[in-house]
Amino acid sequence: MSNTLKPYLAAVRSTLTAALTLENFSSQVVERHNKPEVETGGSKEVLLNPLTISRNENERVLIEPSVNSIRLSIRIKQSDEIERILCHKFTRFMMQRAESFIVLRRKPVPGHDISFLITNTHSETMLKHKIVDFIIEFVLFHFRRLAANSCDRFMEEVDKEISAMKLNLNWRARTVAESYLLAFNT
């Protein structure tokens, strides 16, 4: 893990752990309803101050806590247009399967690539440190390229897959350009 990534992930981990003090809180508007207050935004007094942890201007995590829920939004650094497209395709693929991930939202917060919603029922039924570990591993293993000496096979496979997708895309573009230019040579 790179030296700049460790403090970033440590800050996300400690902030998320501190923010995961959720409790069962019924709606103040509708009787017998328990909706995530961070999503509904009906009562401003139950919303806490949002926190942004930023590694740089293009890579940040937004944590929006409330009394009974937390919305965590992640902005992923993308260095070029191909990585933007691949990131968009991958996050869209993940968000279409949001039911399988339980805490993953189907639509990200504007300005971010992917969002999670953790409610008090999640914190009651799941272990708090496991939720935090899942989020950190999701950030680390799905979106960050590690050094070549990384011992984790999964990240190496993801890195190989992204490289293979880029090579395949470049090969296709070259083939199309060659066939297009051959029409002018004849």
C-alpha atoms as a PDB file:
ATOM      1  CA  MET A   1       0.000   0.000   0.000  1.00  0.00           C
ATOM      2  CA  SER A   2       1.393   3.407  -0.894  1.00  0.00           C
ATOM      3  CA  ASN A   3       2.444   5.879   1.787  1.00  0.00           C
ATOM      4  CA  THR A   4      -0.207   8.417   0.788  1.00  0.00           C
ATOM      5  CA  LEU A   5      -2.992   5.829   0.737  1.00  0.00           C
ATOM      6  CA  LYS A   6      -2.450   4.597   4.320  1.00  0.00           C
ATOM      7  CA  PRO A   7      -3.344   7.863   6.109  1.00  0.00           C
ATOM      8  CA  TYR A   8      -6.275   8.430   3.741  1.00  0.00           C
ATOM      9  CA  LEU A   9      -7.769   5.015   4.480  1.00  0.00           C
ATOM     10  CA  ALA A  10      -6.985   5.373   8.193  1.00  0.00           C
ATOM     11  CA  ALA A  11      -8.871   8.673   8.279  1.00  0.00           C
ATOM     12  CA  VAL A  12     -11.841   7.135   6.437  1.00  0.00           C
ATOM     13  CA  ARG A  13     -11.809   4.132   8.783  1.00  0.00           C
ATOM     14  CA  SER A  14     -11.675   6.139  12.009  1.00  0.00           C
ATOM     15  CA  THR A  15     -14.292   8.673  10.847  1.00  0.00           C
ATOM     16  CA  LEU A  16     -16.662   5.973   9.662  1.00  0.00           C
ATOM     17  CA  THR A  17     -16.212   4.016  12.893  1.00  0.00           C
ATOM     18  CA  ALA A  18     -17.001   7.114  14.942  1.00  0.00           C
ATOM     19  CA  ALA A  19     -20.019   7.957  12.793  1.00  0.00           C
ATOM     20  CA  LEU A  20     -21.498   4.465  13.108  1.00  0.00           C
ATOM     21  CA  THR A  21     -23.206   5.221  16.408  1.00  0.00           C
ATOM     22  CA  LEU A  22     -26.690   4.778  15.007  1.00  0.00           C
ATOM     23  CA  GLU A  23     -29.897   4.250  16.926  1.00  0.00           C
ATOM     24  CA  ASN A  24     -33.485   3.417  16.144  1.00  0.00           C
ATOM     25  CA  PHE A  25     -35.180   6.764  15.545  1.00  0.00           C
ATOM     26  CA  SER A  26     -38.749   7.018  14.346  1.00  0.00           C
ATOM     27  CA  SER A  27     -39.817   9.696  11.916  1.00  0.00           C
ATOM     28  CA  GLN A  28     -40.867  12.997  13.448  1.00  0.00           C
ATOM     29  CA  VAL A  29     -43.275  13.616  10.570  1.00  0.00           C
ATOM     30  CA  VAL A  30     -45.115  10.300  10.108  1.00  0.00           C
ATOM     31  CA  GLU A  31     -46.047   8.057  13.006  1.00  0.00           C
ATOM     32  CA  ARG A  32     -44.615   4.492  13.029  1.00  0.00           C
ATOM     33  CA  HIS A  33     -42.256   5.145  10.150  1.00  0.00           C
ATOM     34  CA  ASN A  34     -38.534   4.678  10.424  1.00  0.00           C
ATOM     35  CA  LYS A  35     -36.933   6.105   7.293  1.00  0.00           C
ATOM     36  CA  PRO A  36     -33.227   6.940   6.899  1.00  0.00           C
ATOM     37  CA  GLU A  37     -33.111  10.601   7.907  1.00  0.00           C
ATOM     38  CA  VAL A  38     -30.083  11.297   5.740  1.00  0.00           C
ATOM     39  CA  GLU A  39     -32.148  10.272   2.697  1.00  0.00           C
ATOM     40  CA  THR A  40     -35.423  11.990   3.571  1.00  0.00           C
ATOM     41  CA  GLY A  41     -33.912  15.135   5.077  1.00  0.00           C
ATOM     42  CA  GLY A  42     -37.263  15.957   6.691  1.00  0.00           C
ATOM     43  CA  SER A  43     -35.875  17.063  10.039  1.00  0.00           C
ATOM     44  CA  LYS A  44     -32.738  19.194  10.019  1.00  0.00           C
ATOM     45  CA  GLU A  45     -32.154  18.696  13.755  1.00  0.00           C
ATOM     46  CA  VAL A  46     -31.424  14.962  13.303  1.00  0.00           C
ATOM     47  CA  LEU A  47     -28.830  15.528  10.557  1.00  0.00           C
ATOM     48  CA  LEU A  48     -25.217  15.845  11.644  1.00  0.00           C
ATOM     49  CA  ASN A  49     -22.490  17.832   9.911  1.00  0.00           C
ATOM     50  CA  PRO A  50     -21.257  16.152   6.708  1.00  0.00           C
ATOM     51  CA  LEU A  51     -17.565  15.287   6.614  1.00  0.00           C
ATOM     52  CA  THR A  52     -15.347  15.230   3.526  1.00  0.00           C
ATOM     53  CA  ILE A  53     -12.087  13.314   3.584  1.00  0.00           C
ATOM     54  CA  SER A  54     -10.066  14.233   0.536  1.00  0.00           C
ATOM     55  CA  ARG A  55      -6.831  12.741  -0.723  1.00  0.00           C
ATOM     56  CA  ASN A  56      -6.739  15.234  -3.596  1.00  0.00           C
ATOM     57  CA  GLU A  57      -9.296  17.218  -5.580  1.00  0.00           C
ATOM     58  CA  ASN A  58     -10.412  14.181  -7.608  1.00  0.00           C
ATOM     59  CA  GLU A  59     -10.401  11.549  -4.878  1.00  0.00           C
ATOM     60  CA  ARG A  60     -12.603  12.028  -1.831  1.00  0.00           C
ATOM     61  CA  VAL A  61     -15.069  10.412   0.531  1.00  0.00           C
ATOM     62  CA  LEU A  62     -18.172  12.241   1.761  1.00  0.00           C
ATOM     63  CA  ILE A  63     -19.706  10.950   5.012  1.00  0.00           C
ATOM     64  CA  GLU A  64     -23.174  12.322   5.778  1.00  0.00           C
ATOM     65  CA  PRO A  65     -24.263  11.068   9.220  1.00  0.00           C
ATOM     66  CA  SER A  66     -27.656  11.383  10.870  1.00  0.00           C
ATOM     67  CA  VAL A  67     -29.268   9.894  13.956  1.00  0.00           C
ATOM     68  CA  ASN A  68     -30.366   6.649  12.295  1.00  0.00           C
ATOM     69  CA  SER A  69     -28.333   6.395   9.061  1.00  0.00           C
ATOM     70  CA  ILE A  70     -25.102   7.268   7.265  1.00  0.00           C
ATOM     71  CA  ARG A  71     -24.670   7.987   3.575  1.00  0.00           C
ATOM     72  CA  LEU A  72     -21.116   7.442   2.387  1.00  0.00           C
ATOM     73  CA  SER A  73     -20.225   8.666  -1.106  1.00  0.00           C
ATOM     74  CA  ILE A  74     -16.944   7.970  -2.857  1.00  0.00           C
ATOM     75  CA  ARG A  75     -15.323   9.949  -5.666  1.00  0.00           C
ATOM     76  CA  ILE A  76     -12.732   7.845  -7.461  1.00  0.00           C
ATOM     77  CA  LYS A  77      -9.666   9.284  -9.132  1.00  0.00           C
ATOM     78  CA  GLN A  78      -9.633   8.675 -12.869  1.00  0.00           C
ATOM     79  CA  SER A  79      -6.522   9.772 -14.727  1.00  0.00           C
ATOM     80  CA  ASP A  80      -7.760   9.567 -18.308  1.00  0.00           C
ATOM     81  CA  GLU A  81     -10.922   9.181 -20.377  1.00  0.00           C
ATOM     82  CA  ILE A  82     -10.612   5.411 -20.661  1.00  0.00           C
ATOM     83  CA  GLU A  83     -10.421   5.042 -16.868  1.00  0.00           C
ATOM     84  CA  ARG A  84     -13.468   7.318 -16.548  1.00  0.00           C
ATOM     85  CA  ILE A  85     -15.440   5.091 -18.888  1.00  0.00           C
ATOM     86  CA  LEU A  86     -14.264   1.879 -17.212  1.00  0.00           C
ATOM     87  CA  CYS A  87     -15.017   3.284 -13.755  1.00  0.00           C
ATOM     88  CA  HIS A  88     -18.484   4.346 -14.869  1.00  0.00           C
ATOM     89  CA  LYS A  89     -19.204   0.915 -16.366  1.00  0.00           C
ATOM     90  CA  PHE A  90     -17.918  -0.891 -13.275  1.00  0.00           C
ATOM     91  CA  THR A  91     -19.823   1.263 -10.782  1.00  0.00           C
ATOM     92  CA  ARG A  92     -22.982   0.958 -12.874  1.00  0.00           C
ATOM     93  CA  PHE A  93     -22.531  -2.820 -12.905  1.00  0.00           C
ATOM     94  CA  MET A  94     -22.177  -2.841  -9.101  1.00  0.00           C
ATOM     95  CA  MET A  95     -25.132  -0.509  -8.506  1.00  0.00           C
ATOM     96  CA  GLN A  96     -27.417  -2.668 -10.650  1.00  0.00           C
ATOM     97  CA  ARG A  97     -26.734  -5.461  -8.158  1.00  0.00           C
ATOM     98  CA  ALA A  98     -27.211  -3.293  -5.070  1.00  0.00           C
ATOM     99  CA  GLU A  99     -29.502  -5.817  -3.358  1.00  0.00           C
ATOM    100  CA  SER A 100     -26.621  -8.282  -3.159  1.00  0.00           C
ATOM    101  CA  PHE A 101     -24.404  -5.762  -1.368  1.00  0.00           C
ATOM    102  CA  ILE A 102     -27.147  -4.663   1.090  1.00  0.00           C
ATOM    103  CA  VAL A 103     -25.576  -1.277   1.956  1.00  0.00           C
ATOM    104  CA  LEU A 104     -24.918  -0.140  -1.636  1.00  0.00           C
ATOM    105  CA  ARG A 105     -27.211   2.540  -3.092  1.00  0.00           C
ATOM    106  CA  ARG A 106     -28.539   2.295  -6.629  1.00  0.00           C
ATOM    107  CA  LYS A 107     -27.738   5.905  -7.450  1.00  0.00           C
ATOM    108  CA  PRO A 108     -24.690   7.882  -6.290  1.00  0.00           C
ATOM    109  CA  VAL A 109     -24.807  11.350  -4.796  1.00  0.00           C
ATOM    110  CA  PRO A 110     -24.137  13.969  -7.512  1.00  0.00           C
ATOM    111  CA  GLY A 111     -20.412  14.604  -7.874  1.00  0.00           C
ATOM    112  CA  HIS A 112     -19.482  11.118  -6.613  1.00  0.00           C
ATOM    113  CA  ASP A 113     -19.092   7.763  -8.328  1.00  0.00           C
ATOM    114  CA  ILE A 114     -20.687   5.362  -5.848  1.00  0.00           C
ATOM    115  CA  SER A 115     -22.665   5.665  -2.600  1.00  0.00           C
ATOM    116  CA  PHE A 116     -23.490   3.471   0.371  1.00  0.00           C
ATOM    117  CA  LEU A 117     -26.372   3.808   2.820  1.00  0.00           C
ATOM    118  CA  ILE A 118     -25.908   2.287   6.266  1.00  0.00           C
ATOM    119  CA  THR A 119     -28.996   2.332   8.492  1.00  0.00           C
ATOM    120  CA  ASN A 120     -29.503   1.477  12.139  1.00  0.00           C
ATOM    121  CA  THR A 121     -30.866  -1.955  11.168  1.00  0.00           C
ATOM    122  CA  HIS A 122     -27.603  -2.699   9.353  1.00  0.00           C
ATOM    123  CA  SER A 123     -25.603  -1.704  12.427  1.00  0.00           C
ATOM    124  CA  GLU A 124     -27.852  -3.863  14.634  1.00  0.00           C
ATOM    125  CA  THR A 125     -27.709  -6.983  12.454  1.00  0.00           C
ATOM    126  CA  MET A 126     -24.093  -6.732  11.258  1.00  0.00           C
ATOM    127  CA  LEU A 127     -20.862  -6.230  13.122  1.00  0.00           C
ATOM    128  CA  LYS A 128     -19.771  -2.597  13.044  1.00  0.00           C
ATOM    129  CA  HIS A 129     -16.114  -3.301  12.305  1.00  0.00           C
ATOM    130  CA  LYS A 130     -17.096  -5.668   9.477  1.00  0.00           C
ATOM    131  CA  ILE A 131     -19.167  -2.933   7.820  1.00  0.00           C
ATOM    132  CA  VAL A 132     -16.201  -0.570   8.055  1.00  0.00           C
ATOM    133  CA  ASP A 133     -13.856  -3.260   6.721  1.00  0.00           C
ATOM    134  CA  PHE A 134     -16.186  -3.894   3.772  1.00  0.00           C
ATOM    135  CA  ILE A 135     -16.227  -0.187   2.856  1.00  0.00           C
ATOM    136  CA  ILE A 136     -12.441   0.151   3.192  1.00  0.00           C
ATOM    137  CA  GLU A 137     -11.818  -2.999   1.152  1.00  0.00           C
ATOM    138  CA  PHE A 138     -14.277  -1.786  -1.449  1.00  0.00           C
ATOM    139  CA  VAL A 139     -12.361   1.493  -1.750  1.00  0.00           C
ATOM    140  CA  LEU A 140      -8.972  -0.182  -1.653  1.00  0.00           C
ATOM    141  CA  PHE A 141      -9.440  -3.279  -3.778  1.00  0.00           C
ATOM    142  CA  HIS A 142     -11.892  -2.096  -6.392  1.00  0.00           C
ATOM    143  CA  PHE A 143     -10.618   1.353  -7.196  1.00  0.00           C
ATOM    144  CA  ARG A 144      -6.973   1.812  -6.270  1.00  0.00           C
ATOM    145  CA  ARG A 145      -4.044   0.513  -8.213  1.00  0.00           C
ATOM    146  CA  LEU A 146      -1.421  -0.745  -5.848  1.00  0.00           C
ATOM    147  CA  ALA A 147       2.277  -1.208  -6.429  1.00  0.00           C
ATOM    148  CA  ALA A 148       3.386  -4.240  -8.413  1.00  0.00           C
ATOM    149  CA  ASN A 149       4.741  -5.868  -5.242  1.00  0.00           C
ATOM    150  CA  SER A 150       1.250  -6.144  -3.763  1.00  0.00           C
ATOM    151  CA  CYS A 151       0.685  -9.587  -2.341  1.00  0.00           C
ATOM    152  CA  ASP A 152      -3.055  -9.548  -2.890  1.00  0.00           C
ATOM    153  CA  ARG A 153      -4.084 -11.666  -5.886  1.00  0.00           C
ATOM    154  CA  PHE A 154      -7.492 -10.095  -6.198  1.00  0.00           C
ATOM    155  CA  MET A 155      -6.083  -6.629  -6.808  1.00  0.00           C
ATOM    156  CA  GLU A 156      -3.612  -8.033  -9.289  1.00  0.00           C
ATOM    157  CA  GLU A 157      -6.509  -9.656 -11.150  1.00  0.00           C
ATOM    158  CA  VAL A 158      -8.491  -6.393 -11.186  1.00  0.00           C
ATOM    159  CA  ASP A 159      -5.404  -4.536 -12.429  1.00  0.00           C
ATOM    160  CA  LYS A 160      -4.842  -7.161 -15.141  1.00  0.00           C
ATOM    161  CA  GLU A 161      -8.491  -6.939 -16.160  1.00  0.00           C
ATOM    162  CA  ILE A 162      -8.358  -3.141 -16.496  1.00  0.00           C
ATOM    163  CA  SER A 163      -5.107  -3.358 -18.478  1.00  0.00           C
ATOM    164  CA  ALA A 164      -6.579  -6.035 -20.727  1.00  0.00           C
ATOM    165  CA  MET A 165      -9.694  -3.933 -21.307  1.00  0.00           C
ATOM    166  CA  LYS A 166      -7.539  -0.928 -22.247  1.00  0.00           C
ATOM    167  CA  LEU A 167      -5.413  -3.036 -24.628  1.00  0.00           C
ATOM    168  CA  ASN A 168      -8.518  -4.549 -26.210  1.00  0.00           C
ATOM    169  CA  LEU A 169     -10.035  -1.105 -26.669  1.00  0.00           C
ATOM    170  CA  ASN A 170      -6.834   0.213 -28.284  1.00  0.00           C
ATOM    171  CA  TRP A 171      -6.652  -2.866 -30.563  1.00  0.00           C
ATOM    172  CA  ARG A 172     -10.244  -2.333 -31.684  1.00  0.00           C
ATOM    173  CA  ALA A 173      -9.609   1.352 -32.359  1.00  0.00           C
ATOM    174  CA  ARG A 174      -6.490   0.531 -34.388  1.00  0.00           C
ATOM    175  CA  THR A 175      -8.376  -2.109 -36.412  1.00  0.00           C
ATOM    176  CA  VAL A 176     -11.208   0.300 -37.185  1.00  0.00           C
ATOM    177  CA  ALA A 177      -8.769   3.049 -38.163  1.00  0.00           C
ATOM    178  CA  GLU A 178      -6.812   0.692 -40.449  1.00  0.00           C
ATOM    179  CA  SER A 179      -9.949  -0.534 -42.209  1.00  0.00           C
ATOM    180  CA  TYR A 180     -11.179   3.042 -42.594  1.00  0.00           C
ATOM    181  CA  LEU A 181      -7.867   4.198 -44.063  1.00  0.00           C
ATOM    182  CA  LEU A 182      -7.710   1.197 -46.431  1.00  0.00           C
ATOM    183  CA  ALA A 183     -10.833   2.545 -48.132  1.00  0.00           C
ATOM    184  CA  PHE A 184      -8.871   5.669 -49.119  1.00  0.00           C
ATOM    185  CA  ASN A 185      -5.816   3.699 -50.399  1.00  0.00           C
ATOM    186  CA  THR A 186      -7.786   1.768 -53.040  1.00  0.00           C
END
